[in-house]
Protein backbone atom coordinates (compact mmCIF):
# COMPACT_ATOMS: atom_id res chain seq x y z
CA UNK A 1 69.29 176.75 -6.63
CA UNK A 2 67.21 179.85 -6.18
CA UNK A 3 68.38 183.07 -7.86
CA UNK A 4 69.00 185.87 -5.41
CA UNK A 5 69.30 189.55 -6.06
CA UNK A 6 72.89 190.14 -5.09
CA UNK A 7 72.86 193.72 -6.29
CA UNK A 8 70.70 194.68 -3.34
CA UNK A 9 71.90 197.57 -1.24
CA UNK A 10 72.60 197.31 2.45
CA UNK A 11 72.60 200.70 4.09
CA UNK A 12 74.01 201.12 7.55
CA UNK A 13 73.83 204.20 9.60
CA UNK A 14 76.59 205.55 11.77
CA UNK A 15 75.53 208.36 14.05
CA UNK A 16 78.18 210.50 15.69
CA UNK A 17 77.16 213.32 17.99
CA UNK A 18 79.62 216.20 17.69
CA UNK A 19 79.49 218.86 20.36
CA UNK A 20 81.32 222.11 19.90
CA UNK A 21 81.47 223.48 23.37
CA UNK A 22 80.05 220.26 24.90
CA UNK A 23 80.78 216.54 25.35
CA UNK A 24 80.62 213.89 22.66
CA UNK A 25 79.82 210.19 22.50
CA UNK A 26 79.24 207.88 19.56
CA UNK A 27 76.99 204.90 18.82
CA UNK A 28 76.01 202.77 15.84
CA UNK A 29 72.84 201.19 14.38
CA UNK A 30 71.95 199.36 11.16
CA UNK A 31 69.04 199.33 8.71
CA UNK A 32 68.35 197.42 5.48
CA UNK A 33 67.14 199.24 2.38
CA UNK A 34 64.76 197.68 -0.21
CA UNK A 35 66.53 195.50 -2.84
CA UNK A 36 67.28 196.82 -6.31
CA UNK A 37 65.19 195.69 -9.28
CA UNK A 38 68.37 194.60 -11.12
CA UNK A 39 70.08 191.23 -10.59
CA UNK A 40 73.22 190.00 -12.30
CA UNK A 41 74.78 186.96 -10.63
CA UNK A 42 74.10 184.48 -7.88
CA UNK A 43 75.55 185.45 -4.51
CA UNK A 44 75.17 187.94 -1.67
CA UNK A 45 76.43 191.44 -1.08
CA UNK A 46 76.75 192.66 2.49
CA UNK A 47 78.70 195.37 4.30
CA UNK A 48 79.28 196.45 7.83
CA UNK A 49 80.33 199.88 9.10
CA UNK A 50 82.37 200.49 12.19
CA UNK A 51 83.75 203.70 13.58
CA UNK A 52 85.94 205.13 16.26
CA UNK A 53 84.44 205.74 19.68
CA UNK A 54 85.93 209.11 20.52
CA UNK A 55 86.91 209.96 24.07
CA UNK A 56 84.42 212.59 25.32
CA UNK A 57 87.12 214.87 26.71
CA UNK A 58 88.54 215.45 23.25
CA UNK A 59 85.33 217.20 22.16
CA UNK A 60 84.79 219.73 24.91
CA UNK A 61 85.84 222.87 23.09
CA UNK A 62 84.88 226.53 23.40
CA UNK A 63 86.57 227.95 20.29
CA UNK A 64 85.54 229.59 17.04
CA UNK A 65 84.14 227.41 14.26
CA UNK A 66 86.82 228.12 11.69
CA UNK A 67 89.41 226.70 14.09
CA UNK A 68 87.29 223.77 15.16
CA UNK A 69 87.81 220.87 12.73
CA UNK A 70 87.45 217.16 13.63
CA UNK A 71 88.97 214.03 12.10
CA UNK A 72 86.64 211.07 11.46
CA UNK A 73 87.57 207.54 10.40
CA UNK A 74 84.97 204.96 9.36
CA UNK A 75 85.87 201.37 8.47
CA UNK A 76 83.58 199.57 6.00
CA UNK A 77 83.99 195.79 5.78
CA UNK A 78 82.76 193.51 3.00
CA UNK A 79 81.01 190.82 5.03
CA UNK A 80 79.46 189.09 1.99
CA UNK A 81 81.15 186.60 -0.36
CA UNK A 82 81.22 188.62 -3.56
CA UNK A 83 83.55 191.40 -4.61
CA UNK A 84 81.91 194.83 -4.21
CA UNK A 85 82.21 198.52 -4.93
CA UNK A 86 81.38 200.99 -2.17
CA UNK A 87 79.99 204.47 -1.86
CA UNK A 88 79.24 206.65 1.19
CA UNK A 89 77.64 210.01 1.99
CA UNK A 90 76.99 212.17 5.01
CA UNK A 91 74.08 214.01 6.56
CA UNK A 92 74.65 216.65 9.22
CA UNK A 93 72.17 218.48 11.42
CA UNK A 94 72.72 221.33 13.82
CA UNK A 95 70.40 220.33 16.65
CA UNK A 96 68.86 222.32 19.51
CA UNK A 97 70.99 222.99 22.56
CA UNK A 98 70.48 224.85 25.82
CA UNK A 99 72.73 227.86 26.35
CA UNK A 100 73.01 230.81 28.63
CA UNK A 101 73.40 234.19 26.94
CA UNK A 102 74.52 237.69 27.88
CA UNK A 103 74.44 241.03 26.12
CA UNK A 104 77.95 242.32 25.41
CA UNK A 105 79.25 245.77 24.59
CA UNK A 106 80.48 244.78 21.13
CA UNK A 107 82.52 241.54 20.92
CA UNK A 108 82.54 238.25 22.86
CA UNK A 109 84.43 238.65 26.11
CA UNK A 110 84.18 242.45 26.30
CA UNK A 111 83.04 244.03 29.58
CA UNK A 112 83.32 240.89 31.70
CA UNK A 113 82.55 241.61 35.35
CA UNK A 114 85.72 242.46 37.29
CA UNK A 115 87.00 239.50 39.27
CA UNK A 116 84.37 237.11 37.87
CA UNK A 117 85.32 233.49 37.20
CA UNK A 118 82.81 233.13 34.35
CA UNK A 119 82.33 234.97 31.04
CA UNK A 120 79.13 236.86 31.98
CA UNK A 121 79.15 240.35 30.49
CA UNK A 122 77.45 243.70 31.01
CA UNK A 123 76.89 246.76 28.80
CA UNK A 124 76.97 250.48 29.46
CA UNK A 125 74.22 252.77 28.22
CA UNK A 126 74.41 256.57 28.13
CA UNK A 127 71.04 258.10 28.93
CA UNK A 128 69.52 259.63 25.82
CA UNK A 129 71.76 257.51 23.58
CA UNK A 130 68.77 255.61 22.19
CA UNK A 131 65.24 256.51 21.21
CA UNK A 132 62.18 254.57 20.09
CA UNK A 133 63.07 255.24 16.45
CA UNK A 134 66.83 254.85 16.90
CA UNK A 135 67.55 252.20 19.53
CA UNK A 136 70.96 251.37 20.95
CA UNK A 137 71.69 247.75 19.98
CA UNK A 138 74.00 245.31 21.76
CA UNK A 139 74.84 241.78 20.52
CA UNK A 140 73.50 238.86 22.54
CA UNK A 141 76.05 236.03 22.77
CA UNK A 142 75.13 232.46 23.77
CA UNK A 143 77.86 230.21 25.11
CA UNK A 144 80.17 233.24 24.81
CA UNK A 145 80.78 232.87 21.07
CA UNK A 146 77.37 232.18 19.44
CA UNK A 147 75.75 235.35 18.16
CA UNK A 148 72.19 234.63 19.27
CA UNK A 149 70.37 237.90 18.70
CA UNK A 150 70.39 241.40 20.13
CA UNK A 151 69.34 243.49 23.12
CA UNK A 152 67.89 246.90 22.21
CA UNK A 153 67.84 249.78 24.70
CA UNK A 154 66.30 253.26 24.59
CA UNK A 155 64.75 255.73 26.99
CA UNK A 156 62.47 258.74 27.25
CA UNK A 157 61.80 261.03 30.19
CA UNK A 158 59.56 258.49 31.93
CA UNK A 159 61.03 255.05 31.23
CA UNK A 160 63.95 253.01 30.03
CA UNK A 161 63.10 250.18 27.63
CA UNK A 162 65.07 246.95 27.23
CA UNK A 163 64.05 244.58 24.44
CA UNK A 164 65.44 241.06 23.92
CA UNK A 165 65.32 239.77 20.33
CA UNK A 166 66.66 236.23 19.81
CA UNK A 167 67.72 235.05 16.33
CA UNK A 168 67.97 231.32 15.61
CA UNK A 169 67.14 230.62 19.26
CA UNK A 170 64.11 230.83 21.54
CA UNK A 171 64.03 232.08 25.11
CA UNK A 172 62.76 230.15 28.11
CA UNK A 173 63.51 233.01 30.51
CA UNK A 174 65.21 236.39 30.82
CA UNK A 175 66.80 238.21 33.76
CA UNK A 176 67.75 241.87 33.84
CA UNK A 177 69.59 244.21 36.17
CA UNK A 178 69.93 247.95 35.56
CA UNK A 179 71.84 250.27 37.88
CA UNK A 180 73.85 253.48 37.89
CA UNK A 181 76.67 251.68 39.75
CA UNK A 182 78.22 248.43 38.53
CA UNK A 183 78.60 247.35 42.14
CA UNK A 184 74.81 247.23 42.51
CA UNK A 185 74.44 244.37 39.99
CA UNK A 186 73.69 241.33 42.21
CA UNK A 187 76.80 239.16 42.33
CA UNK A 188 78.44 236.28 44.11
CA UNK A 189 82.23 235.86 44.37
CA UNK A 190 82.17 234.03 41.03
CA UNK A 191 80.11 236.53 39.06
CA UNK A 192 76.60 237.92 38.58
CA UNK A 193 73.61 235.91 39.80
CA UNK A 194 70.67 236.20 37.32
CA UNK A 195 68.23 234.64 39.77
CA UNK A 196 68.76 237.62 42.10
CA UNK A 197 68.22 240.25 39.39
CA UNK A 198 65.31 242.67 40.01
CA UNK A 199 63.62 242.25 36.61
CA UNK A 200 62.86 238.76 35.29
CA UNK A 201 60.40 236.70 33.29
CA UNK A 202 59.98 232.94 32.84
CA UNK A 203 58.01 231.61 29.85
CA UNK A 204 55.78 228.53 29.71
CA UNK A 205 55.94 228.83 25.92
CA UNK A 206 59.26 229.72 24.33
CA UNK A 207 59.54 233.27 22.99
CA UNK A 208 61.79 235.02 20.51
CA UNK A 209 61.23 238.53 21.88
CA UNK A 210 60.50 240.10 25.26
CA UNK A 211 60.56 243.70 26.50
CA UNK A 212 60.89 245.39 29.89
CA UNK A 213 59.58 248.89 30.60
CA UNK A 214 61.31 250.27 33.68
CA UNK A 215 60.36 253.61 35.28
CA UNK A 216 63.24 256.10 35.42
CA UNK A 217 62.49 256.60 39.11
CA UNK A 218 61.14 254.07 41.63
CA UNK A 219 61.94 250.99 43.72
CA UNK A 220 63.43 247.71 42.55
CA UNK A 221 60.57 245.16 42.49
CA UNK A 222 62.39 241.92 43.32
CA UNK A 223 65.66 240.10 43.86
CA UNK A 224 68.61 241.20 45.94
CA UNK A 225 67.74 244.90 45.42
CA UNK A 226 64.02 244.59 46.27
CA UNK A 227 62.68 247.78 47.85
CA UNK A 228 65.84 249.79 47.14
CA UNK A 229 65.09 253.21 45.64
CA UNK A 230 66.71 254.51 42.48
CA UNK A 231 66.42 257.79 40.56
CA UNK A 232 67.92 257.97 37.07
CA UNK A 233 66.35 261.36 36.38
CA UNK A 234 69.07 262.90 38.56
CA UNK A 235 71.13 265.05 36.15
CA UNK A 236 74.31 263.76 37.81
CA UNK A 237 73.54 260.29 36.43
CA UNK A 238 74.50 260.02 32.76
CA UNK A 239 75.34 256.32 32.40
CA UNK A 240 73.67 253.06 33.38
CA UNK A 241 75.09 249.55 33.72
CA UNK A 242 72.91 246.80 32.26
CA UNK A 243 73.29 243.06 32.80
CA UNK A 244 70.95 241.32 30.35
CA UNK A 245 70.82 237.53 30.68
CA UNK A 246 68.72 234.97 28.78
CA UNK A 247 68.17 231.20 28.90
CA UNK A 248 68.08 230.00 25.31
CA UNK A 249 66.99 226.90 23.40
CA UNK A 250 68.49 226.45 19.93
CA UNK A 251 66.19 226.05 16.94
CA UNK A 252 67.04 223.04 14.76
CA UNK A 253 68.80 223.90 11.52
CA UNK A 254 68.52 221.44 8.64
CA UNK A 255 71.63 222.65 6.84
CA UNK A 256 74.41 222.40 9.37
CA UNK A 257 77.11 223.95 7.18
CA UNK A 258 79.82 221.30 7.61
CA UNK A 259 82.73 221.37 5.15
CA UNK A 260 84.33 217.97 4.49
CA UNK A 261 87.71 217.01 3.05
CA UNK A 262 89.41 213.64 2.65
CA UNK A 263 92.45 212.96 4.81
CA UNK A 264 95.43 210.95 3.73
CA UNK A 265 95.12 207.33 4.81
CA UNK A 266 95.57 203.90 3.21
CA UNK A 267 92.57 204.24 0.88
CA UNK A 268 91.59 206.94 -1.60
CA UNK A 269 87.93 207.52 -2.44
CA UNK A 270 86.69 209.44 -5.48
CA UNK A 271 84.27 212.28 -4.70
CA UNK A 272 81.31 213.28 -6.89
CA UNK A 273 80.74 216.96 -6.19
CA UNK A 274 77.26 217.00 -7.74
CA UNK A 275 75.94 214.05 -5.74
CA UNK A 276 78.15 214.80 -2.70
CA UNK A 277 79.01 211.11 -2.52
CA UNK A 278 82.35 209.36 -2.02
CA UNK A 279 82.99 206.31 -4.23
CA UNK A 280 85.43 203.45 -3.82
CA UNK A 281 85.15 201.68 -7.14
CA UNK A 282 88.54 201.88 -8.86
CA UNK A 283 89.17 198.36 -7.60
CA UNK A 284 86.86 195.78 -6.01
CA UNK A 285 86.73 195.22 -2.28
CA UNK A 286 87.28 191.51 -1.68
CA UNK A 287 85.20 189.47 0.77
CA UNK A 288 86.47 190.05 4.29
CA UNK A 289 88.44 193.17 3.37
CA UNK A 290 87.99 196.42 5.27
CA UNK A 291 88.23 199.85 3.63
CA UNK A 292 88.62 203.06 5.65
CA UNK A 293 87.10 206.43 4.81
CA UNK A 294 89.12 209.19 6.46
CA UNK A 295 87.49 212.62 6.51
CA UNK A 296 87.97 215.94 8.26
CA UNK A 297 84.87 217.99 9.04
CA UNK A 298 84.95 221.75 9.70
CA UNK A 299 81.66 223.35 10.83
CA UNK A 300 80.79 226.85 9.70
CA UNK A 301 79.48 227.72 13.16
CA UNK A 302 79.78 226.37 16.67
CA UNK A 303 76.96 224.33 18.17
CA UNK A 304 75.71 220.79 18.72
CA UNK A 305 75.80 218.59 15.61
CA UNK A 306 74.71 215.13 14.53
CA UNK A 307 76.79 213.57 11.76
CA UNK A 308 75.39 210.49 9.98
CA UNK A 309 77.39 208.30 7.61
CA UNK A 310 75.46 206.18 5.09
CA UNK A 311 77.18 203.51 2.96
CA UNK A 312 76.09 201.21 0.13
CA UNK A 313 77.65 198.24 -1.63
CA UNK A 314 77.01 196.82 -5.09
CA UNK A 315 78.58 193.78 -6.70
CA UNK A 316 81.79 194.65 -8.56
CA UNK A 317 80.36 194.08 -12.03
CA UNK A 318 80.45 196.79 -14.78
CA UNK A 319 76.77 196.35 -15.61
CA UNK A 320 75.74 196.63 -11.96
CA UNK A 321 77.81 199.77 -11.55
CA UNK A 322 76.39 201.41 -14.68
CA UNK A 323 72.81 200.42 -13.83
CA UNK A 324 72.77 201.43 -10.16
CA UNK A 325 75.41 204.13 -9.80
CA UNK A 326 75.57 206.02 -13.11
CA UNK A 327 77.26 208.94 -11.39
CA UNK A 328 80.22 206.89 -10.17
CA UNK A 329 83.57 208.57 -11.06
CA UNK A 330 84.92 205.12 -11.94
CA UNK A 331 82.64 205.09 -15.01
CA UNK A 332 84.06 208.27 -16.45
CA UNK A 333 85.81 207.64 -19.75
CA UNK A 334 84.22 204.23 -20.26
């Protein structure tokens, strides 16, 4: 009979797409890792990971990150014919997403257009409030709650300047309306219509900044107000209404900032804080048995996430455990 390396590791990958403010689905794939150099007994070690397919409607949320936790349950089955110990770890990525963004007066939801059915916002700017060396800054919110950068405004006697500055995002296009009457901002019954704004720019290459220089007196160049005259040098005009819209693409973040905790279920795993790995090795998992890992994940920010679960099995033998997983909590005190 040929000796086989039964201490080999089988790593399976569970990918769960988590959308905060979007729709979620889940799918599963598997991949073998190279065998270990250590062998102890004759036999095979094999595992299989399954997970819950979550109904998409449960993951369409537009709330703040600290309130936005999710429960995950993964079932890991010993499909070999030797007793095994298990360990599992997670990788999360905050991945790019498309969002629409608006400048707001101060906080998300402030200065929403009266009667609008969406969350589009505008800002008010007092003429002379900003200068080139001391701009007036408004937060730029994507998806209503994501702080995605800023819009800076200032003016002199000749022009008003509006600068978009994205942070953590890139812009594929910007649309701007400036008027001395809120009613002049191009709107439909549901809210403002960026495509009909008089100042706009579309980018073939994504940009993080873009500026408009608008004469204080002139005619609107495009959109629903094209050809209409305006004059903001009139001393009677002291305040302008600005609707600053941007189409954004998120920049991938390697550290997603997900906080994990173990939920109460039928099985308790030991967590190694240094390795950030969960171990199930206080008792062997018998052939055919299934062990669940029940975790709750809380992201530090809203966005679109991928969550990957990796799991490994090693034969339930003290020498195999000490050789391959020296950081296992089960070895403490031995």
